[in-house]
Each structure stands twice: as structure tokens, then as C-alpha cells.
Amino acid sequence: MNNKIDTITYKVGMKIRIERMKKGLSQEKLAELAKIGTNSVGGIERGEQSPTVETMAAIANALEIELYKLFIFDI
């Protein structure tokens, strides 16, 4: 697992990006709805930041999906 795209952090970030885009939300709007920073959303989506459980729950809530669905990778 020395490749960035094989990491759980990267996969979660990509899943969040996909779900955000399905909802037609900008990173700014997702950040606002989840009450987190816009820079955090970008970092998480790029796999540069590993979100806390609380942040993941806030993002899932903002995306109106169940938390566990952010860990189902079909990408």
C-alpha cells in the first residue's frame, strides 16, 4: 500500500467528492452544511487530511446519507 490511491484516506475523500457532486454541491456549500472549513473539505477530498469520526458524521449528515455509505468503495 505505498500508492496514495490505495489508502483509506484517499478512498474516503474520493467517495465524499462523488457524493457531493451527485448532490450538486460545491465544496463551499458542503463545508457550510457540515459546519467545517472549506479548506478542510478540499484536503479531505484530495486525501491529504484524514477526517475525525465527528467530521465524517457531519459530512454524511450534510450529504443526507448514512455514515457507513462513505466507506463503500465502488471506485
N, C-alpha and C. Protein backbone atom coordinates (compact mmCIF):
# COMPACT_ATOMS: atom_id res chain seq x y z
N MET A 1 0.82 -1.20 0.00
CA MET A 1 0.00 0.00 0.00
C MET A 1 0.86 1.25 0.00
N ASN A 2 1.80 1.33 -0.88
CA ASN A 2 2.63 2.53 -0.94
C ASN A 2 2.10 3.52 -1.97
N ASN A 3 1.01 3.20 -2.60
CA ASN A 3 0.39 4.10 -3.55
C ASN A 3 -0.71 4.90 -2.86
N LYS A 4 -0.72 6.22 -3.06
CA LYS A 4 -1.69 7.08 -2.39
C LYS A 4 -3.13 6.64 -2.63
N ILE A 5 -3.45 6.20 -3.85
CA ILE A 5 -4.85 5.85 -4.15
C ILE A 5 -5.29 4.57 -3.46
N ASP A 6 -4.37 3.84 -2.86
CA ASP A 6 -4.73 2.63 -2.12
C ASP A 6 -5.06 2.92 -0.66
N THR A 7 -4.88 4.15 -0.22
CA THR A 7 -5.10 4.45 1.20
C THR A 7 -6.58 4.69 1.49
N ILE A 8 -6.99 4.37 2.69
CA ILE A 8 -8.37 4.59 3.12
C ILE A 8 -8.70 6.08 3.11
N THR A 9 -7.73 6.91 3.47
CA THR A 9 -7.95 8.36 3.48
C THR A 9 -8.29 8.86 2.09
N TYR A 10 -7.58 8.38 1.09
CA TYR A 10 -7.85 8.78 -0.29
C TYR A 10 -9.21 8.26 -0.76
N LYS A 11 -9.51 7.00 -0.44
CA LYS A 11 -10.78 6.42 -0.88
C LYS A 11 -11.97 7.13 -0.25
N VAL A 12 -11.88 7.44 1.05
CA VAL A 12 -12.95 8.17 1.71
C VAL A 12 -13.12 9.55 1.08
N GLY A 13 -12.01 10.22 0.82
CA GLY A 13 -12.07 11.54 0.19
C GLY A 13 -12.73 11.51 -1.17
N MET A 14 -12.38 10.51 -1.97
CA MET A 14 -13.00 10.39 -3.30
C MET A 14 -14.49 10.09 -3.18
N LYS A 15 -14.85 9.26 -2.21
CA LYS A 15 -16.26 8.93 -2.01
C LYS A 15 -17.05 10.18 -1.62
N ILE A 16 -16.47 10.99 -0.74
CA ILE A 16 -17.12 12.24 -0.35
C ILE A 16 -17.29 13.15 -1.57
N ARG A 17 -16.25 13.26 -2.37
CA ARG A 17 -16.33 14.09 -3.58
C ARG A 17 -17.44 13.60 -4.51
N ILE A 18 -17.50 12.30 -4.73
CA ILE A 18 -18.52 11.73 -5.61
C ILE A 18 -19.92 12.03 -5.08
N GLU A 19 -20.12 11.80 -3.79
CA GLU A 19 -21.44 12.04 -3.19
C GLU A 19 -21.79 13.53 -3.22
N ARG A 20 -20.81 14.38 -2.99
CA ARG A 20 -21.04 15.83 -3.04
C ARG A 20 -21.46 16.26 -4.44
N MET A 21 -20.79 15.73 -5.44
CA MET A 21 -21.10 16.10 -6.82
C MET A 21 -22.47 15.55 -7.24
N LYS A 22 -22.84 14.36 -6.76
CA LYS A 22 -24.16 13.80 -7.04
C LYS A 22 -25.26 14.73 -6.53
N LYS A 23 -24.99 15.38 -5.41
CA LYS A 23 -25.97 16.31 -4.81
C LYS A 23 -25.89 17.70 -5.44
N GLY A 24 -24.92 17.92 -6.31
CA GLY A 24 -24.77 19.22 -6.94
C GLY A 24 -24.27 20.30 -6.00
N LEU A 25 -23.50 19.89 -4.98
CA LEU A 25 -22.99 20.84 -4.01
C LEU A 25 -21.55 21.24 -4.32
N SER A 26 -21.24 22.49 -4.08
CA SER A 26 -19.85 22.95 -4.16
C SER A 26 -19.15 22.54 -2.86
N GLN A 27 -17.83 22.60 -2.86
CA GLN A 27 -17.10 22.35 -1.62
C GLN A 27 -17.50 23.37 -0.56
N GLU A 28 -17.71 24.59 -0.98
CA GLU A 28 -18.10 25.65 -0.05
C GLU A 28 -19.45 25.35 0.60
N LYS A 29 -20.41 24.90 -0.19
CA LYS A 29 -21.74 24.60 0.34
C LYS A 29 -21.68 23.40 1.27
N LEU A 30 -20.92 22.36 0.91
CA LEU A 30 -20.77 21.21 1.79
C LEU A 30 -20.14 21.64 3.11
N ALA A 31 -19.12 22.46 3.04
CA ALA A 31 -18.46 22.96 4.25
C ALA A 31 -19.45 23.70 5.13
N GLU A 32 -20.26 24.54 4.52
CA GLU A 32 -21.26 25.30 5.27
C GLU A 32 -22.27 24.37 5.94
N LEU A 33 -22.78 23.40 5.19
CA LEU A 33 -23.78 22.48 5.73
C LEU A 33 -23.20 21.60 6.84
N ALA A 34 -21.93 21.20 6.69
CA ALA A 34 -21.28 20.33 7.68
C ALA A 34 -20.64 21.12 8.81
N LYS A 35 -20.64 22.46 8.67
CA LYS A 35 -20.03 23.34 9.67
C LYS A 35 -18.55 23.04 9.88
N ILE A 36 -17.86 22.88 8.73
CA ILE A 36 -16.40 22.70 8.75
C ILE A 36 -15.81 23.68 7.74
N GLY A 37 -14.51 23.81 7.75
CA GLY A 37 -13.85 24.74 6.85
C GLY A 37 -13.81 24.25 5.42
N THR A 38 -13.88 25.21 4.50
CA THR A 38 -13.79 24.86 3.07
C THR A 38 -12.45 24.20 2.76
N ASN A 39 -11.37 24.70 3.36
CA ASN A 39 -10.06 24.09 3.15
C ASN A 39 -10.03 22.65 3.64
N SER A 40 -10.77 22.37 4.70
CA SER A 40 -10.84 21.00 5.21
C SER A 40 -11.53 20.08 4.20
N VAL A 41 -12.61 20.55 3.61
CA VAL A 41 -13.31 19.74 2.60
C VAL A 41 -12.35 19.41 1.46
N GLY A 42 -11.64 20.40 0.96
CA GLY A 42 -10.70 20.18 -0.13
C GLY A 42 -9.60 19.20 0.25
N GLY A 43 -9.05 19.36 1.44
CA GLY A 43 -7.99 18.46 1.91
C GLY A 43 -8.48 17.04 2.09
N ILE A 44 -9.68 16.90 2.60
CA ILE A 44 -10.26 15.56 2.78
C ILE A 44 -10.51 14.92 1.42
N GLU A 45 -11.09 15.67 0.50
CA GLU A 45 -11.39 15.11 -0.83
C GLU A 45 -10.13 14.73 -1.59
N ARG A 46 -9.04 15.43 -1.37
CA ARG A 46 -7.78 15.10 -2.04
C ARG A 46 -7.00 14.00 -1.33
N GLY A 47 -7.51 13.54 -0.18
CA GLY A 47 -6.82 12.50 0.58
C GLY A 47 -5.65 13.02 1.35
N GLU A 48 -5.58 14.32 1.56
CA GLU A 48 -4.47 14.94 2.29
C GLU A 48 -4.77 15.04 3.78
N GLN A 49 -6.04 15.01 4.14
CA GLN A 49 -6.46 15.09 5.55
C GLN A 49 -7.33 13.90 5.87
N SER A 50 -7.11 13.33 7.03
CA SER A 50 -7.94 12.22 7.50
C SER A 50 -8.97 12.79 8.47
N PRO A 51 -10.24 12.78 8.11
CA PRO A 51 -11.26 13.39 8.95
C PRO A 51 -11.52 12.59 10.22
N THR A 52 -11.91 13.29 11.28
CA THR A 52 -12.32 12.61 12.51
C THR A 52 -13.68 11.96 12.29
N VAL A 53 -14.06 11.13 13.22
CA VAL A 53 -15.38 10.49 13.15
C VAL A 53 -16.47 11.56 13.20
N GLU A 54 -16.27 12.58 14.05
CA GLU A 54 -17.25 13.66 14.15
C GLU A 54 -17.39 14.40 12.83
N THR A 55 -16.27 14.66 12.17
CA THR A 55 -16.31 15.34 10.87
C THR A 55 -16.98 14.46 9.82
N MET A 56 -16.67 13.17 9.84
CA MET A 56 -17.31 12.24 8.90
C MET A 56 -18.82 12.23 9.10
N ALA A 57 -19.26 12.22 10.36
CA ALA A 57 -20.69 12.22 10.66
C ALA A 57 -21.34 13.52 10.18
N ALA A 58 -20.66 14.64 10.36
CA ALA A 58 -21.19 15.93 9.90
C ALA A 58 -21.30 15.97 8.39
N ILE A 59 -20.31 15.42 7.70
CA ILE A 59 -20.33 15.38 6.24
C ILE A 59 -21.46 14.47 5.75
N ALA A 60 -21.58 13.29 6.35
CA ALA A 60 -22.65 12.37 5.96
C ALA A 60 -24.02 13.01 6.17
N ASN A 61 -24.17 13.69 7.29
CA ASN A 61 -25.43 14.38 7.58
C ASN A 61 -25.69 15.46 6.53
N ALA A 62 -24.68 16.23 6.20
CA ALA A 62 -24.82 17.30 5.20
C ALA A 62 -25.17 16.72 3.83
N LEU A 63 -24.64 15.55 3.53
CA LEU A 63 -24.91 14.89 2.25
C LEU A 63 -26.22 14.09 2.28
N GLU A 64 -26.83 14.03 3.46
CA GLU A 64 -28.08 13.29 3.65
C GLU A 64 -27.94 11.82 3.28
N ILE A 65 -26.82 11.22 3.73
CA ILE A 65 -26.60 9.79 3.55
C ILE A 65 -26.16 9.20 4.89
N GLU A 66 -26.29 7.90 5.02
CA GLU A 66 -25.85 7.24 6.24
C GLU A 66 -24.32 7.16 6.24
N LEU A 67 -23.74 7.33 7.42
CA LEU A 67 -22.29 7.39 7.57
C LEU A 67 -21.59 6.20 6.92
N TYR A 68 -22.11 5.00 7.14
CA TYR A 68 -21.43 3.82 6.62
C TYR A 68 -21.27 3.85 5.10
N LYS A 69 -22.14 4.56 4.42
CA LYS A 69 -22.07 4.59 2.96
C LYS A 69 -20.81 5.30 2.45
N LEU A 70 -20.20 6.11 3.30
CA LEU A 70 -18.95 6.77 2.91
C LEU A 70 -17.78 5.78 2.89
N PHE A 71 -18.03 4.55 3.38
CA PHE A 71 -16.99 3.53 3.42
C PHE A 71 -17.26 2.40 2.43
N ILE A 72 -18.22 2.59 1.55
CA ILE A 72 -18.48 1.61 0.49
C ILE A 72 -17.84 2.15 -0.78
N PHE A 73 -16.77 1.49 -1.19
CA PHE A 73 -15.98 1.97 -2.31
C PHE A 73 -16.25 1.16 -3.57
N ASP A 74 -16.85 1.81 -4.54
CA ASP A 74 -17.04 1.20 -5.83
C ASP A 74 -16.28 2.01 -6.85
N ILE A 75 -15.18 2.60 -6.37
CA ILE A 75 -14.34 3.46 -7.22
C ILE A 75 -12.99 2.84 -7.43
